[in-house]
């Protein structure tokens, strides 16, 4: 019997390299059924940084989705789509919540975001990524004491990600 191993995936919905890496991960995960993903969202450009779009609402929405049993792979794919392809304003609570109505409770999400829910989780996630895990750019991965950090403005390719997983599983 193969033992489950946890891989941390650090990402930001406003990052096009994270979107591409998410697609690679979606393709690779069936090959590695022993890997459980621990999703580690973190803002590439937290407020008050002027560079945007800011992903804080989408990340807080992920915590809401997780607490409410929403399929996170579906949530991630949707957030990447609206942030980077459809260009829905992910900094607007109504636009963000309205975009998820077909697969989760949009009114509940809207109410939670307006009430400030998951702000502490967002801050802890950023701190965990940058302070504890020494992530300096996303997407980044941690598995069995090994790490894969991308090249800034390049990301990682599918072959690099697969090689990282293979090497980490062998250690």
N, C-alpha and C. Protein backbone atom coordinates (compact mmCIF):
# COMPACT_ATOMS: atom_id res chain seq x y z
N UNK A 1 0.85 -1.18 0.00
CA UNK A 1 0.00 0.00 0.00
C UNK A 1 0.89 1.24 0.00
N UNK A 2 0.55 2.19 -0.85
CA UNK A 2 1.30 3.43 -0.96
C UNK A 2 0.79 4.44 0.06
N UNK A 3 1.73 5.08 0.74
CA UNK A 3 1.36 6.05 1.75
C UNK A 3 1.09 7.41 1.12
N UNK A 4 0.04 8.07 1.61
CA UNK A 4 -0.29 9.41 1.12
C UNK A 4 0.78 10.39 1.57
N UNK A 5 1.17 11.25 0.65
CA UNK A 5 2.16 12.29 0.94
C UNK A 5 1.55 13.63 0.56
N UNK A 6 1.83 14.62 1.37
CA UNK A 6 1.24 15.94 1.17
C UNK A 6 2.22 16.87 0.45
N UNK A 7 1.72 17.48 -0.61
CA UNK A 7 2.50 18.48 -1.34
C UNK A 7 1.83 19.83 -1.17
N UNK A 8 2.61 20.81 -0.72
CA UNK A 8 2.11 22.17 -0.60
C UNK A 8 2.27 22.87 -1.95
N UNK A 9 1.18 23.51 -2.38
CA UNK A 9 1.19 24.26 -3.63
C UNK A 9 0.88 25.72 -3.28
N UNK A 10 1.85 26.60 -3.53
CA UNK A 10 1.70 28.03 -3.27
C UNK A 10 1.32 28.70 -4.59
N UNK A 11 0.27 29.53 -4.56
CA UNK A 11 -0.26 30.08 -5.80
C UNK A 11 -0.99 31.38 -5.56
N UNK A 12 -1.27 32.07 -6.65
CA UNK A 12 -2.07 33.30 -6.62
C UNK A 12 -2.95 33.30 -7.87
N UNK A 13 -4.23 33.57 -7.70
CA UNK A 13 -5.16 33.56 -8.83
C UNK A 13 -4.87 34.63 -9.87
N UNK A 14 -4.14 35.68 -9.51
CA UNK A 14 -3.83 36.75 -10.45
C UNK A 14 -2.53 36.46 -11.22
N UNK A 15 -1.96 35.30 -11.03
CA UNK A 15 -0.67 34.93 -11.64
C UNK A 15 -0.89 34.01 -12.84
N UNK A 16 -0.54 34.46 -14.04
CA UNK A 16 -0.72 33.61 -15.22
C UNK A 16 0.15 32.35 -15.19
N UNK A 17 1.28 32.41 -14.53
CA UNK A 17 2.16 31.24 -14.42
C UNK A 17 1.53 30.19 -13.49
N UNK A 18 0.80 30.67 -12.49
CA UNK A 18 0.08 29.75 -11.59
C UNK A 18 -1.06 29.07 -12.33
N UNK A 19 -1.74 29.81 -13.20
CA UNK A 19 -2.83 29.21 -13.98
C UNK A 19 -2.28 28.08 -14.85
N UNK A 20 -1.18 28.33 -15.52
CA UNK A 20 -0.59 27.30 -16.38
C UNK A 20 -0.12 26.11 -15.53
N UNK A 21 0.50 26.39 -14.39
CA UNK A 21 0.97 25.32 -13.51
C UNK A 21 -0.20 24.51 -12.95
N UNK A 22 -1.33 25.18 -12.71
CA UNK A 22 -2.52 24.47 -12.23
C UNK A 22 -3.00 23.48 -13.29
N UNK A 23 -2.93 23.88 -14.54
CA UNK A 23 -3.31 22.98 -15.63
C UNK A 23 -2.37 21.78 -15.67
N UNK A 24 -1.06 22.00 -15.51
CA UNK A 24 -0.10 20.90 -15.47
C UNK A 24 -0.39 19.98 -14.29
N UNK A 25 -0.65 20.56 -13.14
CA UNK A 25 -0.92 19.77 -11.94
C UNK A 25 -2.18 18.93 -12.14
N UNK A 26 -3.19 19.50 -12.76
CA UNK A 26 -4.42 18.76 -13.03
C UNK A 26 -4.14 17.54 -13.91
N UNK A 27 -3.24 17.69 -14.86
CA UNK A 27 -2.87 16.58 -15.73
C UNK A 27 -2.00 15.55 -15.01
N UNK A 28 -1.14 16.00 -14.10
CA UNK A 28 -0.19 15.11 -13.43
C UNK A 28 -0.78 14.35 -12.24
N UNK A 29 -1.72 14.94 -11.54
CA UNK A 29 -2.21 14.31 -10.30
C UNK A 29 -2.74 12.89 -10.48
N UNK A 30 -3.43 12.55 -11.57
CA UNK A 30 -3.86 11.15 -11.71
C UNK A 30 -2.70 10.16 -11.75
N UNK A 31 -1.53 10.60 -12.15
CA UNK A 31 -0.35 9.74 -12.20
C UNK A 31 0.21 9.48 -10.80
N UNK A 32 -0.10 10.38 -9.88
CA UNK A 32 0.44 10.31 -8.52
C UNK A 32 -0.71 10.29 -7.50
N UNK A 33 -1.47 9.20 -7.44
CA UNK A 33 -2.62 9.17 -6.53
C UNK A 33 -2.23 9.23 -5.06
N UNK A 34 -0.97 9.01 -4.75
CA UNK A 34 -0.51 9.06 -3.36
C UNK A 34 -0.29 10.49 -2.88
N UNK A 35 -0.41 11.46 -3.78
CA UNK A 35 -0.18 12.85 -3.39
C UNK A 35 -1.49 13.54 -3.04
N UNK A 36 -1.48 14.13 -1.87
CA UNK A 36 -2.59 14.97 -1.42
C UNK A 36 -2.07 16.41 -1.49
N UNK A 37 -2.90 17.29 -2.04
CA UNK A 37 -2.48 18.68 -2.18
C UNK A 37 -2.94 19.50 -0.98
N UNK A 38 -2.03 20.28 -0.46
CA UNK A 38 -2.36 21.29 0.54
C UNK A 38 -2.25 22.62 -0.20
N UNK A 39 -3.38 23.27 -0.40
CA UNK A 39 -3.42 24.52 -1.15
C UNK A 39 -2.97 25.66 -0.26
N UNK A 40 -1.97 26.40 -0.72
CA UNK A 40 -1.40 27.51 0.02
C UNK A 40 -1.51 28.80 -0.81
N UNK A 41 -2.68 29.42 -0.80
CA UNK A 41 -2.80 30.67 -1.55
C UNK A 41 -1.97 31.76 -0.89
N UNK A 42 -1.46 32.65 -1.70
CA UNK A 42 -0.73 33.81 -1.18
C UNK A 42 -0.77 34.90 -2.24
N UNK A 43 -0.89 36.11 -1.77
CA UNK A 43 -0.99 37.24 -2.69
C UNK A 43 0.39 37.63 -3.22
N UNK A 44 0.51 37.70 -4.52
CA UNK A 44 1.76 38.16 -5.12
C UNK A 44 1.97 39.64 -4.83
N UNK A 45 0.87 40.38 -4.81
CA UNK A 45 0.93 41.82 -4.60
C UNK A 45 -0.17 42.24 -3.63
N UNK A 46 0.06 42.02 -2.32
CA UNK A 46 -0.98 42.39 -1.35
C UNK A 46 -1.19 43.90 -1.29
N UNK A 47 -2.39 44.27 -0.91
CA UNK A 47 -2.68 45.68 -0.72
C UNK A 47 -1.75 46.24 0.36
N UNK A 48 -1.27 47.41 0.30
CA UNK A 48 -1.66 48.50 -0.59
C UNK A 48 -0.86 48.56 -1.88
N UNK A 49 -0.09 47.50 -2.20
CA UNK A 49 0.66 47.48 -3.46
C UNK A 49 -0.29 47.86 -4.59
N UNK A 50 0.15 48.71 -5.46
CA UNK A 50 -0.72 49.23 -6.53
C UNK A 50 -0.85 48.25 -7.69
N UNK A 51 0.06 47.30 -7.78
CA UNK A 51 0.02 46.34 -8.87
C UNK A 51 -1.16 45.42 -8.66
N UNK A 52 -1.96 45.23 -9.64
CA UNK A 52 -3.17 44.40 -9.48
C UNK A 52 -3.41 43.58 -10.71
N UNK A 53 -4.49 42.85 -10.77
CA UNK A 53 -5.58 42.90 -9.80
C UNK A 53 -5.20 42.21 -8.50
N UNK A 54 -5.78 42.70 -7.43
CA UNK A 54 -5.55 42.08 -6.12
C UNK A 54 -6.43 40.84 -6.01
N UNK A 55 -5.85 39.80 -5.48
CA UNK A 55 -6.54 38.51 -5.41
C UNK A 55 -7.08 38.19 -4.03
N UNK A 56 -7.07 39.15 -3.12
CA UNK A 56 -7.47 38.88 -1.74
C UNK A 56 -8.89 38.33 -1.63
N UNK A 57 -9.83 38.87 -2.38
CA UNK A 57 -11.21 38.38 -2.29
C UNK A 57 -11.32 36.95 -2.82
N UNK A 58 -10.64 36.66 -3.92
CA UNK A 58 -10.67 35.30 -4.48
C UNK A 58 -10.04 34.30 -3.52
N UNK A 59 -8.97 34.71 -2.85
CA UNK A 59 -8.33 33.82 -1.88
C UNK A 59 -9.23 33.61 -0.67
N UNK A 60 -9.80 34.69 -0.16
CA UNK A 60 -10.74 34.53 0.96
C UNK A 60 -11.91 33.66 0.52
N UNK A 61 -12.32 33.80 -0.73
CA UNK A 61 -13.38 32.95 -1.27
C UNK A 61 -12.98 31.48 -1.29
N UNK A 62 -11.70 31.20 -1.51
CA UNK A 62 -11.24 29.82 -1.47
C UNK A 62 -11.42 29.21 -0.08
N UNK A 63 -11.12 29.99 0.94
CA UNK A 63 -11.31 29.49 2.31
C UNK A 63 -12.80 29.24 2.57
N UNK A 64 -13.65 30.13 2.08
CA UNK A 64 -15.10 29.93 2.20
C UNK A 64 -15.51 28.65 1.45
N UNK A 65 -15.02 28.50 0.23
CA UNK A 65 -15.35 27.31 -0.57
C UNK A 65 -14.92 26.04 0.15
N UNK A 66 -13.72 26.05 0.69
CA UNK A 66 -13.19 24.88 1.40
C UNK A 66 -14.08 24.55 2.60
N UNK A 67 -14.47 25.56 3.37
CA UNK A 67 -15.31 25.33 4.54
C UNK A 67 -16.71 24.86 4.17
N UNK A 68 -17.12 25.10 2.93
CA UNK A 68 -18.47 24.74 2.50
C UNK A 68 -18.51 23.57 1.53
N UNK A 69 -17.44 22.80 1.48
CA UNK A 69 -17.42 21.56 0.71
C UNK A 69 -17.40 21.72 -0.80
N UNK A 70 -16.99 22.88 -1.28
CA UNK A 70 -16.91 23.10 -2.72
C UNK A 70 -15.66 22.39 -3.26
N UNK A 71 -15.76 21.83 -4.43
CA UNK A 71 -14.63 21.18 -5.08
C UNK A 71 -13.57 22.26 -5.37
N UNK A 72 -12.43 22.16 -4.71
CA UNK A 72 -11.41 23.21 -4.84
C UNK A 72 -10.77 23.23 -6.22
N UNK A 73 -10.64 22.09 -6.87
CA UNK A 73 -10.09 22.11 -8.23
C UNK A 73 -11.00 22.92 -9.15
N UNK A 74 -12.30 22.76 -8.98
CA UNK A 74 -13.25 23.53 -9.78
C UNK A 74 -13.17 25.02 -9.42
N UNK A 75 -13.08 25.30 -8.14
CA UNK A 75 -12.97 26.70 -7.70
C UNK A 75 -11.70 27.34 -8.27
N UNK A 76 -10.57 26.64 -8.16
CA UNK A 76 -9.31 27.18 -8.68
C UNK A 76 -9.41 27.46 -10.18
N UNK A 77 -9.88 26.49 -10.94
CA UNK A 77 -9.98 26.66 -12.39
C UNK A 77 -10.87 27.85 -12.72
N UNK A 78 -11.96 28.00 -11.98
CA UNK A 78 -12.88 29.11 -12.22
C UNK A 78 -12.23 30.45 -11.91
N UNK A 79 -11.52 30.53 -10.77
CA UNK A 79 -10.88 31.79 -10.40
C UNK A 79 -9.81 32.19 -11.41
N UNK A 80 -9.04 31.23 -11.87
CA UNK A 80 -8.04 31.55 -12.90
C UNK A 80 -8.74 32.05 -14.17
N UNK A 81 -9.83 31.38 -14.52
CA UNK A 81 -10.55 31.78 -15.73
C UNK A 81 -11.08 33.21 -15.62
N UNK A 82 -11.74 33.52 -14.51
CA UNK A 82 -12.33 34.86 -14.43
C UNK A 82 -11.27 35.94 -14.24
N UNK A 83 -10.19 35.63 -13.54
CA UNK A 83 -9.16 36.63 -13.29
C UNK A 83 -8.30 36.89 -14.52
N UNK A 84 -8.00 35.82 -15.28
CA UNK A 84 -7.00 35.95 -16.33
C UNK A 84 -7.51 35.78 -17.75
N UNK A 85 -8.68 35.18 -17.90
CA UNK A 85 -9.21 35.00 -19.26
C UNK A 85 -10.43 35.90 -19.49
N UNK A 86 -11.45 35.70 -18.68
CA UNK A 86 -12.68 36.49 -18.82
C UNK A 86 -12.51 37.91 -18.32
N UNK A 87 -11.51 38.11 -17.47
CA UNK A 87 -11.20 39.43 -16.90
C UNK A 87 -12.36 40.05 -16.12
N UNK A 88 -13.04 39.19 -15.36
CA UNK A 88 -14.05 39.69 -14.44
C UNK A 88 -13.30 40.38 -13.30
N UNK A 89 -13.84 41.44 -12.79
CA UNK A 89 -13.17 42.21 -11.75
C UNK A 89 -13.19 41.43 -10.43
N UNK A 90 -12.08 40.77 -10.12
CA UNK A 90 -12.01 39.97 -8.89
C UNK A 90 -11.80 40.83 -7.66
N UNK A 91 -11.72 42.14 -7.85
CA UNK A 91 -11.64 43.06 -6.71
C UNK A 91 -13.02 43.56 -6.31
N UNK A 92 -14.05 43.13 -7.01
CA UNK A 92 -15.43 43.53 -6.74
C UNK A 92 -16.19 42.34 -6.17
N UNK A 93 -16.68 42.47 -4.94
CA UNK A 93 -17.37 41.37 -4.26
C UNK A 93 -18.54 40.85 -5.07
N UNK A 94 -19.38 41.74 -5.59
CA UNK A 94 -20.56 41.30 -6.34
C UNK A 94 -20.18 40.56 -7.62
N UNK A 95 -19.20 41.07 -8.34
CA UNK A 95 -18.77 40.41 -9.59
C UNK A 95 -18.19 39.03 -9.29
N UNK A 96 -17.34 38.95 -8.28
CA UNK A 96 -16.72 37.69 -7.91
C UNK A 96 -17.78 36.68 -7.47
N UNK A 97 -18.64 37.09 -6.54
CA UNK A 97 -19.66 36.18 -6.03
C UNK A 97 -20.65 35.79 -7.14
N UNK A 98 -21.04 36.73 -7.96
CA UNK A 98 -21.97 36.42 -9.04
C UNK A 98 -21.42 35.41 -10.03
N UNK A 99 -20.11 35.38 -10.18
CA UNK A 99 -19.50 34.46 -11.15
C UNK A 99 -19.51 33.01 -10.69
N UNK A 100 -19.73 32.76 -9.41
CA UNK A 100 -19.66 31.39 -8.88
C UNK A 100 -21.02 30.75 -8.67
N UNK A 101 -22.09 31.46 -9.01
CA UNK A 101 -23.45 31.00 -8.70
C UNK A 101 -23.77 29.62 -9.29
N UNK A 102 -23.11 29.24 -10.35
CA UNK A 102 -23.41 27.96 -10.99
C UNK A 102 -22.81 26.75 -10.25
N UNK A 103 -21.94 26.99 -9.27
CA UNK A 103 -21.39 25.82 -8.55
C UNK A 103 -21.25 25.99 -7.04
N UNK A 104 -21.62 27.17 -6.51
CA UNK A 104 -21.58 27.33 -5.06
C UNK A 104 -22.54 28.45 -4.64
N UNK A 105 -22.70 28.60 -3.35
CA UNK A 105 -23.62 29.58 -2.79
C UNK A 105 -23.06 30.99 -2.93
N UNK A 106 -23.48 31.69 -3.98
CA UNK A 106 -22.97 33.04 -4.27
C UNK A 106 -23.40 34.03 -3.19
N UNK A 107 -24.63 33.92 -2.70
CA UNK A 107 -25.09 34.85 -1.67
C UNK A 107 -24.31 34.66 -0.37
N UNK A 108 -24.05 33.41 -0.02
CA UNK A 108 -23.26 33.12 1.19
C UNK A 108 -21.85 33.64 1.06
N UNK A 109 -21.26 33.45 -0.11
CA UNK A 109 -19.91 33.96 -0.34
C UNK A 109 -19.89 35.48 -0.25
N UNK A 110 -20.84 36.12 -0.89
CA UNK A 110 -20.92 37.58 -0.89
C UNK A 110 -21.05 38.10 0.55
N UNK A 111 -21.92 37.49 1.32
CA UNK A 111 -22.13 37.91 2.71
C UNK A 111 -20.85 37.72 3.54
N UNK A 112 -20.19 36.60 3.33
CA UNK A 112 -18.95 36.32 4.08
C UNK A 112 -17.87 37.33 3.74
N UNK A 113 -17.71 37.61 2.46
CA UNK A 113 -16.67 38.56 2.05
C UNK A 113 -16.97 39.96 2.56
N UNK A 114 -18.22 40.36 2.48
CA UNK A 114 -18.61 41.69 2.96
C UNK A 114 -18.41 41.83 4.47
N UNK A 115 -18.58 40.72 5.18
CA UNK A 115 -18.42 40.73 6.64
C UNK A 115 -16.95 40.65 7.07
N UNK A 116 -16.05 40.50 6.10
CA UNK A 116 -14.63 40.42 6.43
C UNK A 116 -14.16 39.02 6.79
N UNK A 117 -15.00 38.04 6.55
CA UNK A 117 -14.62 36.66 6.88
C UNK A 117 -13.37 36.25 6.12
N UNK A 118 -12.56 35.44 6.77
CA UNK A 118 -11.35 34.84 6.21
C UNK A 118 -10.21 35.83 5.99
N UNK A 119 -10.33 37.03 6.51
CA UNK A 119 -9.23 37.99 6.41
C UNK A 119 -8.02 37.50 7.20
N UNK A 120 -8.27 36.97 8.38
CA UNK A 120 -7.18 36.46 9.20
C UNK A 120 -6.50 35.27 8.52
N UNK A 121 -7.29 34.40 7.91
CA UNK A 121 -6.74 33.26 7.19
C UNK A 121 -5.86 33.72 6.02
N UNK A 122 -6.30 34.76 5.33
CA UNK A 122 -5.51 35.33 4.23
C UNK A 122 -4.17 35.84 4.75
N UNK A 123 -4.20 36.59 5.83
CA UNK A 123 -2.96 37.13 6.40
C UNK A 123 -2.03 36.01 6.86
N UNK A 124 -2.60 34.98 7.48
CA UNK A 124 -1.79 33.84 7.93
C UNK A 124 -1.21 33.09 6.73
N UNK A 125 -1.98 32.97 5.66
CA UNK A 125 -1.49 32.28 4.47
C UNK A 125 -0.33 33.03 3.84
N UNK A 126 -0.44 34.34 3.76
CA UNK A 126 0.66 35.15 3.21
C UNK A 126 1.90 35.00 4.08
N UNK A 127 1.73 35.09 5.39
CA UNK A 127 2.85 34.96 6.31
C UNK A 127 3.49 33.58 6.21
N UNK A 128 2.67 32.56 6.15
CA UNK A 128 3.19 31.19 6.04
C UNK A 128 4.02 31.04 4.77
N UNK A 129 3.51 31.56 3.67
CA UNK A 129 4.23 31.43 2.40
C UNK A 129 5.55 32.19 2.42
N UNK A 130 5.48 33.44 2.76
CA UNK A 130 6.65 34.30 2.61
C UNK A 130 7.63 34.23 3.77
N UNK A 131 7.13 34.14 4.99
CA UNK A 131 8.00 34.14 6.16
C UNK A 131 8.50 32.75 6.52
N UNK A 132 7.59 31.79 6.58
CA UNK A 132 7.96 30.45 7.04
C UNK A 132 8.51 29.58 5.91
N UNK A 133 7.86 29.61 4.75
CA UNK A 133 8.23 28.71 3.66
C UNK A 133 9.21 29.33 2.67
N UNK A 134 9.50 30.61 2.85
CA UNK A 134 10.47 31.32 2.01
C UNK A 134 10.11 31.29 0.53
N UNK A 135 8.82 31.41 0.25
CA UNK A 135 8.37 31.53 -1.12
C UNK A 135 8.64 32.97 -1.55
N UNK A 136 9.26 33.15 -2.69
CA UNK A 136 9.54 34.51 -3.16
C UNK A 136 8.82 34.80 -4.47
N UNK A 137 8.34 33.77 -5.13
CA UNK A 137 7.55 33.93 -6.35
C UNK A 137 6.72 32.66 -6.51
N UNK A 138 5.56 32.79 -7.13
CA UNK A 138 4.67 31.64 -7.31
C UNK A 138 4.56 31.30 -8.79
N UNK A 139 4.19 30.07 -9.10
CA UNK A 139 3.83 28.95 -8.23
C UNK A 139 5.07 28.30 -7.61
N UNK A 140 4.91 27.84 -6.40
CA UNK A 140 6.00 27.17 -5.69
C UNK A 140 5.45 25.90 -5.05
N UNK A 141 6.34 24.93 -4.86
CA UNK A 141 5.93 23.61 -4.38
C UNK A 141 6.88 23.15 -3.29
N UNK A 142 6.31 22.41 -2.31
CA UNK A 142 7.09 21.81 -1.24
C UNK A 142 6.59 20.39 -1.05
N UNK A 143 7.53 19.43 -1.05
CA UNK A 143 7.17 18.02 -0.88
C UNK A 143 8.37 17.28 -0.30
N UNK A 144 8.16 16.62 0.81
CA UNK A 144 9.19 15.79 1.45
C UNK A 144 10.51 16.53 1.67
N UNK A 145 10.43 17.77 2.12
CA UNK A 145 11.62 18.54 2.40
C UNK A 145 12.29 19.13 1.17
N UNK A 146 11.76 18.86 0.02
CA UNK A 146 12.31 19.42 -1.23
C UNK A 146 11.42 20.57 -1.67
N UNK A 147 12.00 21.47 -2.46
CA UNK A 147 11.21 22.59 -2.93
C UNK A 147 11.48 22.86 -4.40
N UNK A 148 10.45 23.33 -5.04
CA UNK A 148 10.54 23.78 -6.43
C UNK A 148 10.01 25.20 -6.46
N UNK A 149 10.91 26.12 -6.76
CA UNK A 149 10.54 27.51 -6.92
C UNK A 149 10.70 27.85 -8.40
N UNK A 150 9.80 28.65 -8.92
CA UNK A 150 9.86 28.97 -10.34
C UNK A 150 10.89 30.06 -10.63
N UNK A 151 11.14 30.23 -11.89
CA UNK A 151 11.92 31.38 -12.35
C UNK A 151 10.91 32.51 -12.50
N UNK A 152 11.23 33.66 -11.95
CA UNK A 152 10.31 34.80 -12.01
C UNK A 152 10.02 35.15 -13.46
N UNK A 153 8.75 35.42 -13.75
CA UNK A 153 8.25 35.76 -15.08
C UNK A 153 8.43 34.64 -16.10
N UNK A 154 8.64 33.42 -15.61
CA UNK A 154 8.74 32.24 -16.47
C UNK A 154 7.86 31.12 -15.93
N UNK A 155 7.89 30.92 -14.62
CA UNK A 155 7.12 29.85 -14.00
C UNK A 155 7.86 28.53 -14.05
N UNK A 156 7.10 27.45 -14.06
CA UNK A 156 7.65 26.10 -14.19
C UNK A 156 6.95 25.42 -15.36
N UNK A 157 7.62 24.47 -15.97
CA UNK A 157 6.95 23.73 -17.03
C UNK A 157 6.51 22.37 -16.51
N UNK A 158 5.73 21.68 -17.29
CA UNK A 158 5.17 20.39 -16.85
C UNK A 158 6.27 19.37 -16.57
N UNK A 159 7.30 19.37 -17.38
CA UNK A 159 8.40 18.42 -17.20
C UNK A 159 9.13 18.70 -15.88
N UNK A 160 9.38 19.96 -15.56
CA UNK A 160 10.04 20.32 -14.30
C UNK A 160 9.19 19.89 -13.11
N UNK A 161 7.89 20.12 -13.20
CA UNK A 161 7.00 19.76 -12.11
C UNK A 161 6.97 18.25 -11.92
N UNK A 162 6.88 17.49 -13.00
CA UNK A 162 6.87 16.03 -12.90
C UNK A 162 8.19 15.51 -12.32
N UNK A 163 9.31 16.08 -12.77
CA UNK A 163 10.62 15.67 -12.26
C UNK A 163 10.74 15.98 -10.76
N UNK A 164 10.25 17.16 -10.35
CA UNK A 164 10.26 17.52 -8.93
C UNK A 164 9.48 16.49 -8.11
N UNK A 165 8.28 16.17 -8.58
CA UNK A 165 7.44 15.21 -7.85
C UNK A 165 8.14 13.86 -7.75
N UNK A 166 8.66 13.38 -8.86
CA UNK A 166 9.38 12.09 -8.87
C UNK A 166 10.54 12.10 -7.89
N UNK A 167 11.38 13.12 -7.96
CA UNK A 167 12.54 13.22 -7.07
C UNK A 167 12.13 13.31 -5.60
N UNK A 168 11.11 14.09 -5.32
CA UNK A 168 10.65 14.25 -3.93
C UNK A 168 10.05 12.96 -3.39
N UNK A 169 9.36 12.22 -4.23
CA UNK A 169 8.76 10.95 -3.77
C UNK A 169 9.81 9.91 -3.50
N UNK A 170 10.94 9.99 -4.17
CA UNK A 170 12.02 9.02 -3.96
C UNK A 170 12.84 9.30 -2.72
N UNK A 171 12.73 10.52 -2.20
CA UNK A 171 13.55 10.88 -1.04
C UNK A 171 12.96 10.38 0.26
